[in-house]
Structures are given as structure tokens and as C-alpha cells.
Protein backbone atom coordinates (compact mmCIF):
# COMPACT_ATOMS: atom_id res chain seq x y z
CA MET A 1 53.97 -31.77 -48.10
CA LYS A 2 50.06 -30.90 -47.02
CA VAL A 3 47.65 -33.27 -48.22
CA GLY A 4 44.08 -32.77 -47.16
CA TYR A 5 40.60 -34.97 -46.47
CA ALA A 6 37.30 -33.34 -45.97
CA ARG A 7 33.83 -35.36 -45.62
CA VAL A 8 30.70 -35.06 -44.51
CA SER A 9 28.00 -37.61 -43.64
CA THR A 10 25.29 -36.81 -46.33
CA PHE A 11 24.22 -35.96 -49.83
CA ASP A 12 22.88 -32.64 -48.55
CA GLN A 13 25.82 -31.10 -46.72
CA ASN A 14 28.27 -29.39 -48.60
CA LEU A 15 32.02 -29.52 -48.70
CA ASP A 16 33.02 -25.78 -49.49
CA LEU A 17 33.70 -25.47 -46.18
CA GLN A 18 36.07 -27.61 -45.58
CA ILE A 19 38.22 -27.45 -48.34
CA ASP A 20 38.42 -23.56 -48.31
CA ALA A 21 39.67 -24.11 -45.00
CA LEU A 22 42.18 -26.93 -45.85
CA GLU A 23 43.54 -24.85 -49.37
CA LYS A 24 44.18 -21.48 -46.58
CA PHE A 25 45.99 -24.19 -44.24
CA GLY A 26 48.08 -24.76 -47.30
CA CYS A 27 46.65 -28.22 -48.81
CA GLU A 28 48.17 -29.06 -52.21
CA LYS A 29 45.89 -32.40 -52.75
CA ILE A 30 42.96 -32.55 -50.65
CA PHE A 31 40.66 -35.86 -51.02
CA ASN A 32 37.13 -36.11 -49.67
CA ASP A 33 34.00 -38.50 -49.17
CA GLU A 34 30.45 -37.34 -49.35
CA GLY A 35 27.10 -39.24 -47.27
CA VAL A 36 29.62 -41.48 -45.37
CA SER A 37 29.24 -41.41 -41.83
CA GLY A 38 33.03 -40.89 -39.55
CA ALA A 39 32.08 -44.17 -37.62
CA LYS A 40 32.91 -46.40 -40.89
CA SER A 41 36.66 -47.22 -41.18
CA ASP A 42 35.98 -47.94 -44.82
CA ARG A 43 35.90 -44.64 -46.56
CA PRO A 44 37.02 -44.42 -50.42
CA GLY A 45 38.43 -40.77 -49.83
CA LEU A 46 40.55 -41.11 -46.75
CA ASN A 47 41.72 -44.88 -48.08
CA GLU A 48 43.05 -42.80 -51.09
CA ALA A 49 44.55 -39.96 -49.08
CA ILE A 50 46.14 -42.60 -47.01
CA LEU A 51 47.42 -43.92 -49.90
CA PHE A 52 48.43 -40.95 -51.47
CA LEU A 53 50.39 -39.89 -48.27
CA ARG A 54 54.80 -39.98 -47.78
CA PRO A 55 57.42 -39.98 -45.14
CA GLY A 56 57.16 -36.31 -44.14
CA ASP A 57 53.50 -35.77 -45.38
CA THR A 58 51.00 -33.93 -43.07
CA LEU A 59 47.05 -35.24 -43.45
CA VAL A 60 44.88 -32.18 -42.71
CA VAL A 61 41.56 -32.44 -41.70
CA TRP A 62 39.08 -29.41 -41.05
CA LYS A 63 37.73 -30.79 -37.75
CA LEU A 64 38.70 -33.88 -36.22
CA ASP A 65 35.37 -35.43 -36.17
CA ARG A 66 36.17 -35.53 -39.84
CA LEU A 67 38.71 -37.92 -39.77
CA GLY A 68 36.41 -40.46 -37.67
CA ARG A 69 34.05 -40.88 -34.34
CA SER A 70 35.47 -43.50 -32.22
CA ILE A 71 38.76 -43.20 -30.24
CA GLU A 72 39.86 -46.64 -31.14
CA HIS A 73 39.68 -45.52 -35.56
CA LEU A 74 41.61 -42.16 -34.79
CA ARG A 75 44.31 -43.59 -33.13
CA SER A 76 44.72 -46.60 -34.94
CA THR A 77 44.68 -44.15 -38.42
CA VAL A 78 46.96 -41.46 -36.93
CA PHE A 79 49.54 -44.09 -35.17
CA ASP A 80 49.92 -46.18 -38.31
CA LEU A 81 50.19 -42.84 -39.82
CA GLN A 82 53.12 -41.21 -37.36
CA LYS A 83 54.91 -45.28 -38.24
CA ARG A 84 55.39 -44.04 -41.40
CA GLY A 85 56.91 -41.09 -41.03
CA ILE A 86 53.79 -39.08 -41.85
CA GLU A 87 52.06 -36.20 -38.87
CA PHE A 88 48.62 -35.18 -38.32
CA ALA A 89 46.95 -31.98 -38.14
CA SER A 90 43.09 -30.72 -37.46
CA VAL A 91 42.60 -26.93 -38.47
CA GLN A 92 39.57 -26.15 -35.85
CA ASP A 93 40.71 -28.32 -32.92
CA VAL A 94 44.51 -27.09 -33.78
CA ILE A 95 45.95 -30.44 -33.13
CA ASP A 96 49.42 -30.94 -34.41
CA THR A 97 51.19 -34.25 -33.94
CA SER A 98 54.22 -33.22 -34.39
CA THR A 99 54.73 -32.45 -30.93
CA ALA A 100 54.41 -34.04 -27.74
CA SER A 101 51.42 -31.23 -26.44
CA GLY A 102 49.75 -31.79 -30.14
CA ARG A 103 49.73 -35.44 -29.55
CA LEU A 104 48.18 -35.40 -25.77
CA PHE A 105 45.43 -32.87 -27.31
CA PHE A 106 44.95 -34.96 -30.12
CA ASN A 107 43.97 -37.83 -27.20
CA ILE A 108 41.82 -35.81 -25.26
CA MET A 109 39.90 -34.30 -28.38
CA ALA A 110 39.66 -37.87 -29.71
CA SER A 111 37.69 -38.94 -26.65
CA MET A 112 35.83 -35.87 -26.92
CA ALA A 113 34.67 -36.94 -30.37
CA GLU A 114 33.51 -40.31 -29.44
CA PHE A 115 32.07 -38.87 -26.53
CA GLU A 116 30.03 -36.74 -28.59
CA ARG A 117 28.88 -38.84 -30.51
CA ASP A 118 27.66 -41.96 -27.78
CA LEU A 119 25.58 -38.75 -25.98
CA LEU A 120 24.25 -37.97 -29.82
CA LYS A 121 23.05 -41.61 -29.87
CA GLU A 122 21.76 -41.74 -26.38
CA ARG A 123 19.30 -38.66 -27.40
CA THR A 124 18.12 -39.74 -30.66
CA GLN A 125 16.94 -43.06 -28.18
CA ALA A 126 15.57 -41.51 -25.32
CA GLY A 127 13.53 -38.98 -28.33
CA LEU A 128 12.37 -42.05 -29.67
CA ALA A 129 11.10 -44.02 -26.58
CA ALA A 130 9.64 -40.68 -25.58
CA ALA A 131 7.58 -40.53 -28.89
CA ARG A 132 6.87 -44.19 -28.70
CA ALA A 133 5.37 -43.92 -24.97
CA ARG A 134 3.44 -41.27 -26.41
CA GLY A 135 1.85 -43.67 -28.87
CA LYS A 136 3.80 -42.22 -32.21
CA LYS A 137 5.45 -45.13 -34.32
CA GLY A 138 8.46 -44.29 -35.80
CA GLY A 139 9.54 -45.68 -39.67
CA ARG A 140 7.28 -44.68 -42.87
CA PRO A 141 4.05 -44.62 -43.14
CA LYS A 142 1.70 -47.42 -43.97
CA THR A 143 1.54 -46.63 -47.76
CA VAL A 144 -1.54 -49.15 -48.30
CA THR A 145 -4.84 -48.53 -47.53
CA GLU A 146 -7.66 -50.95 -45.15
CA SER A 147 -10.07 -50.60 -48.39
CA GLN A 148 -6.71 -51.85 -50.60
CA VAL A 149 -6.37 -54.89 -47.69
CA LYS A 150 -9.84 -55.86 -47.81
CA ARG A 151 -10.05 -56.00 -51.78
CA ALA A 152 -6.55 -58.29 -51.13
CA ARG A 153 -8.10 -60.49 -49.04
CA GLU A 154 -11.17 -60.97 -50.79
CA LEU A 155 -9.08 -61.77 -54.62
CA VAL A 156 -6.44 -63.68 -52.86
CA LYS A 157 -9.41 -66.36 -52.86
CA ASN A 158 -9.12 -66.65 -56.62
CA PRO A 159 -7.12 -69.18 -57.76
CA ASP A 160 -6.79 -68.02 -61.08
CA LEU A 161 -5.30 -64.51 -60.17
CA THR A 162 -1.64 -64.37 -59.62
CA ILE A 163 0.16 -62.07 -56.89
CA VAL A 164 1.34 -60.13 -59.44
CA GLU A 165 -2.45 -59.58 -61.01
CA ILE A 166 -3.61 -58.42 -57.68
CA CYS A 167 -1.08 -55.96 -56.99
CA LYS A 168 -2.26 -54.25 -60.32
CA ILE A 169 -5.56 -54.62 -59.65
CA ILE A 170 -5.17 -52.46 -55.74
CA GLY A 171 -2.56 -50.67 -57.09
CA VAL A 172 0.63 -51.56 -55.25
CA THR A 173 4.04 -53.40 -56.07
CA ARG A 174 4.84 -56.83 -55.25
CA PRO A 175 7.49 -55.47 -52.68
CA THR A 176 4.71 -53.25 -50.50
CA TYR A 177 1.97 -56.33 -51.03
CA TYR A 178 4.70 -58.92 -49.63
CA ARG A 179 5.50 -56.47 -46.56
CA GLU A 180 2.42 -54.72 -45.83
CA ILE A 181 -0.92 -56.78 -47.17
CA ALA A 182 0.13 -60.58 -47.33
CA PRO A 183 0.74 -60.52 -43.36
CA GLN A 184 -2.79 -59.32 -42.28
CA ILE A 185 -4.88 -61.69 -45.08
CA GLN A 186 -3.27 -64.96 -44.02
């Protein structure tokens, strides 16, 4: 039996392309994960698929990076499957571990998937460093104004007011107060 596994990293992405390809490839059952990074080895849909598989079955993915992004995770998953008599196939990468050339190609593609992930991390870090060098700050914009901080400074001096009351007066939540205002008034 061919058993499919599909994964998207964010909820904005769509599984339809992968599921259609897996069905066309002949998968009778398909498991999936939405909003889960390929860097994570513990994924509910993948775990279910692996438990479902029996000797003689084949786990099929649309593309190798849907199964995982690290060589270690990809190899251990596929080798564990092979120990149980289960093969692995990737539709787009034309990988079939039931042949010697398929196993070789799997190892090459696993290395490429990890390389691609590492390049993405390096480019992201370089982009953030370049932005910081130009004076740009990453992260969320501040949610409090200088006038709110100034007002909080005045209100904190009044021993009759609680933090909750001060937050209501200046119009912020308690977590926002402690995260953004308290460090500035101490």
C-alpha cells in the first residue's frame, strides 16, 4: 500500500497540490501536518503515518523536504522504515529506496535539502544584520507612546494606585506595562 504524507510550514499555505500529486501517484491513505516546520522531528501527522505503515508499504511524499530538512532526521526516518520492511518514495525528486540507485539519490537529495535550509538561515541572518547596520530594528513596533510612559511615571508615585489601575488609566495591558513601560520608569 502507498501511504502519503503532506506538510506545509504555515497555515497560509495550502496542501492541495501535494495531496493531488500523492493521489495521482496512487496513495490510498494520506496523512498531513499544517503549520509545522520540517525542522521539527516530532509531527503528529507524520507520527500517525509511521504508525499506520506495515511491512511492504511505501511512504510517499510530494518532495523530500516535506519529510524533513536535516540529513540526520531524513536518514534516520528512512532507515527506520527500511528496517521495518517499508520503502520510501518522493514524487517530485523521483526517489524510490527500493533500488540501489534510489537509495544513493536519496542520500544526495537529503544532503541538498539540509544545504538549502542552511543557506536560507544564512541569508536571513545576513539580511537582519544588514538591516541593523542601517539602523533598522527588527521585531514588533513599540505599542506604547512616550506620553503613556510619562503619565505612568507620574501615576506610579501615587501609592494608592495599583498597577492594574495605572494600566487602565494609560490604556495598556498589564503584560505591556511590564514589558515596555516598567523598564523605562525604574
